[in-house]
Amino acid sequence: MKVPTKSELIHFKIQAAMREHCFDEDQVKYLGVRDGEHWYLIANEHEVPVSEIEEFEFDGYVEGENE
Protein backbone atom coordinates (compact mmCIF):
# COMPACT_ATOMS: atom_id res chain seq x y z
CA MET A 1 0.00 0.00 0.00
CA LYS A 2 1.39 3.38 -1.01
CA VAL A 3 1.35 5.99 1.74
CA PRO A 4 0.15 9.40 0.44
CA THR A 5 2.56 12.34 0.65
CA LYS A 6 1.69 15.46 2.64
CA SER A 7 0.84 17.25 -0.63
CA GLU A 8 -1.47 14.42 -1.69
CA LEU A 9 -3.24 14.50 1.68
CA ILE A 10 -3.80 18.25 1.41
CA HIS A 11 -5.09 17.79 -2.15
CA PHE A 12 -7.52 15.10 -0.92
CA LYS A 13 -8.75 17.37 1.90
CA ILE A 14 -9.35 20.28 -0.48
CA GLN A 15 -11.11 18.03 -3.00
CA ALA A 16 -13.37 16.59 -0.28
CA ALA A 17 -14.31 20.08 0.95
CA MET A 18 -14.99 21.23 -2.62
CA ARG A 19 -17.12 18.14 -3.29
CA GLU A 20 -19.22 18.58 -0.14
CA HIS A 21 -19.65 22.37 -0.29
CA CYS A 22 -20.22 24.94 -3.00
CA PHE A 23 -17.17 27.16 -3.22
CA ASP A 24 -17.39 30.18 -5.51
CA GLU A 25 -14.66 30.15 -8.13
CA ASP A 26 -13.33 33.41 -6.65
CA GLN A 27 -12.60 31.54 -3.39
CA VAL A 28 -10.87 28.35 -4.53
CA LYS A 29 -10.74 26.60 -7.88
CA TYR A 30 -8.93 23.44 -8.94
CA LEU A 31 -6.80 24.13 -12.03
CA GLY A 32 -5.63 20.59 -12.71
CA VAL A 33 -2.25 18.91 -12.90
CA ARG A 34 0.82 20.72 -14.23
CA ASP A 35 4.22 19.05 -14.29
CA GLY A 36 2.86 16.24 -12.12
CA GLU A 37 1.49 18.54 -9.41
CA HIS A 38 -2.05 19.66 -8.51
CA TRP A 39 -2.66 23.43 -8.82
CA TYR A 40 -5.31 25.68 -7.27
CA LEU A 41 -6.45 29.24 -7.86
CA ILE A 42 -6.89 30.94 -4.48
CA ALA A 43 -8.96 34.13 -4.03
CA ASN A 44 -9.20 34.42 -7.83
CA GLU A 45 -5.63 35.74 -8.01
CA HIS A 46 -3.00 33.29 -6.70
CA GLU A 47 -2.11 30.17 -8.68
CA VAL A 48 -0.57 27.82 -6.13
CA PRO A 49 0.79 24.27 -6.41
CA VAL A 50 -0.52 22.01 -3.66
CA SER A 51 3.04 21.49 -2.39
CA GLU A 52 3.10 25.18 -1.37
CA ILE A 53 -0.08 24.87 0.73
CA GLU A 54 1.18 24.12 4.23
CA GLU A 55 -2.16 23.04 5.69
CA PHE A 56 -5.86 23.07 4.94
CA GLU A 57 -8.58 23.11 7.57
CA PHE A 58 -12.19 23.58 6.56
CA ASP A 59 -14.38 25.06 9.27
CA GLY A 60 -17.63 24.02 7.59
CA TYR A 61 -18.66 27.48 6.40
CA VAL A 62 -18.54 28.78 2.85
CA GLU A 63 -19.39 32.44 2.33
CA GLY A 64 -22.56 32.68 0.27
CA GLU A 65 -23.59 29.04 0.85
CA ASN A 66 -27.18 28.49 2.01
CA GLU A 67 -28.10 32.14 1.74
C-alpha atoms as a PDB file:
ATOM      1  CA  MET A   1       0.000   0.000   0.000  1.00  0.00           C
ATOM      2  CA  LYS A   2       1.395   3.379  -1.008  1.00  0.00           C
ATOM      3  CA  VAL A   3       1.347   5.994   1.738  1.00  0.00           C
ATOM      4  CA  PRO A   4       0.147   9.405   0.440  1.00  0.00           C
ATOM      5  CA  THR A   5       2.556  12.336   0.649  1.00  0.00           C
ATOM      6  CA  LYS A   6       1.693  15.457   2.637  1.00  0.00           C
ATOM      7  CA  SER A   7       0.845  17.251  -0.628  1.00  0.00           C
ATOM      8  CA  GLU A   8      -1.471  14.420  -1.688  1.00  0.00           C
ATOM      9  CA  LEU A   9      -3.236  14.496   1.684  1.00  0.00           C
ATOM     10  CA  ILE A  10      -3.804  18.249   1.406  1.00  0.00           C
ATOM     11  CA  HIS A  11      -5.095  17.793  -2.147  1.00  0.00           C
ATOM     12  CA  PHE A  12      -7.517  15.097  -0.915  1.00  0.00           C
ATOM     13  CA  LYS A  13      -8.747  17.374   1.904  1.00  0.00           C
ATOM     14  CA  ILE A  14      -9.347  20.277  -0.477  1.00  0.00           C
ATOM     15  CA  GLN A  15     -11.107  18.033  -2.999  1.00  0.00           C
ATOM     16  CA  ALA A  16     -13.373  16.593  -0.278  1.00  0.00           C
ATOM     17  CA  ALA A  17     -14.307  20.080   0.955  1.00  0.00           C
ATOM     18  CA  MET A  18     -14.988  21.232  -2.616  1.00  0.00           C
ATOM     19  CA  ARG A  19     -17.117  18.139  -3.293  1.00  0.00           C
ATOM     20  CA  GLU A  20     -19.221  18.580  -0.144  1.00  0.00           C
ATOM     21  CA  HIS A  21     -19.652  22.370  -0.286  1.00  0.00           C
ATOM     22  CA  CYS A  22     -20.218  24.944  -2.997  1.00  0.00           C
ATOM     23  CA  PHE A  23     -17.167  27.158  -3.217  1.00  0.00           C
ATOM     24  CA  ASP A  24     -17.391  30.177  -5.508  1.00  0.00           C
ATOM     25  CA  GLU A  25     -14.660  30.155  -8.132  1.00  0.00           C
ATOM     26  CA  ASP A  26     -13.332  33.406  -6.654  1.00  0.00           C
ATOM     27  CA  GLN A  27     -12.598  31.541  -3.388  1.00  0.00           C
ATOM     28  CA  VAL A  28     -10.873  28.347  -4.530  1.00  0.00           C
ATOM     29  CA  LYS A  29     -10.740  26.599  -7.883  1.00  0.00           C
ATOM     30  CA  TYR A  30      -8.934  23.443  -8.940  1.00  0.00           C
ATOM     31  CA  LEU A  31      -6.798  24.128 -12.026  1.00  0.00           C
ATOM     32  CA  GLY A  32      -5.625  20.589 -12.711  1.00  0.00           C
ATOM     33  CA  VAL A  33      -2.246  18.913 -12.904  1.00  0.00           C
ATOM     34  CA  ARG A  34       0.823  20.716 -14.230  1.00  0.00           C
ATOM     35  CA  ASP A  35       4.223  19.051 -14.291  1.00  0.00           C
ATOM     36  CA  GLY A  36       2.860  16.244 -12.116  1.00  0.00           C
ATOM     37  CA  GLU A  37       1.494  18.540  -9.407  1.00  0.00           C
ATOM     38  CA  HIS A  38      -2.050  19.664  -8.506  1.00  0.00           C
ATOM     39  CA  TRP A  39      -2.656  23.430  -8.818  1.00  0.00           C
ATOM     40  CA  TYR A  40      -5.314  25.676  -7.270  1.00  0.00           C
ATOM     41  CA  LEU A  41      -6.450  29.241  -7.861  1.00  0.00           C
ATOM     42  CA  ILE A  42      -6.885  30.938  -4.481  1.00  0.00           C
ATOM     43  CA  ALA A  43      -8.956  34.130  -4.034  1.00  0.00           C
ATOM     44  CA  ASN A  44      -9.196  34.416  -7.832  1.00  0.00           C
ATOM     45  CA  GLU A  45      -5.627  35.741  -8.009  1.00  0.00           C
ATOM     46  CA  HIS A  46      -2.997  33.291  -6.704  1.00  0.00           C
ATOM     47  CA  GLU A  47      -2.106  30.169  -8.684  1.00  0.00           C
ATOM     48  CA  VAL A  48      -0.566  27.817  -6.128  1.00  0.00           C
ATOM     49  CA  PRO A  49       0.790  24.270  -6.408  1.00  0.00           C
ATOM     50  CA  VAL A  50      -0.522  22.014  -3.663  1.00  0.00           C
ATOM     51  CA  SER A  51       3.039  21.495  -2.395  1.00  0.00           C
ATOM     52  CA  GLU A  52       3.100  25.175  -1.368  1.00  0.00           C
ATOM     53  CA  ILE A  53      -0.085  24.872   0.726  1.00  0.00           C
ATOM     54  CA  GLU A  54       1.177  24.123   4.226  1.00  0.00           C
ATOM     55  CA  GLU A  55      -2.164  23.043   5.690  1.00  0.00           C
ATOM     56  CA  PHE A  56      -5.863  23.066   4.944  1.00  0.00           C
ATOM     57  CA  GLU A  57      -8.581  23.111   7.567  1.00  0.00           C
ATOM     58  CA  PHE A  58     -12.191  23.583   6.565  1.00  0.00           C
ATOM     59  CA  ASP A  59     -14.382  25.064   9.274  1.00  0.00           C
ATOM     60  CA  GLY A  60     -17.634  24.024   7.591  1.00  0.00           C
ATOM     61  CA  TYR A  61     -18.665  27.480   6.399  1.00  0.00           C
ATOM     62  CA  VAL A  62     -18.538  28.782   2.846  1.00  0.00           C
ATOM     63  CA  GLU A  63     -19.386  32.442   2.333  1.00  0.00           C
ATOM     64  CA  GLY A  64     -22.561  32.676   0.269  1.00  0.00           C
ATOM     65  CA  GLU A  65     -23.587  29.036   0.847  1.00  0.00           C
ATOM     66  CA  ASN A  66     -27.178  28.486   2.010  1.00  0.00           C
ATOM     67  CA  GLU A  67     -28.103  32.139   1.737  1.00  0.00           C
END
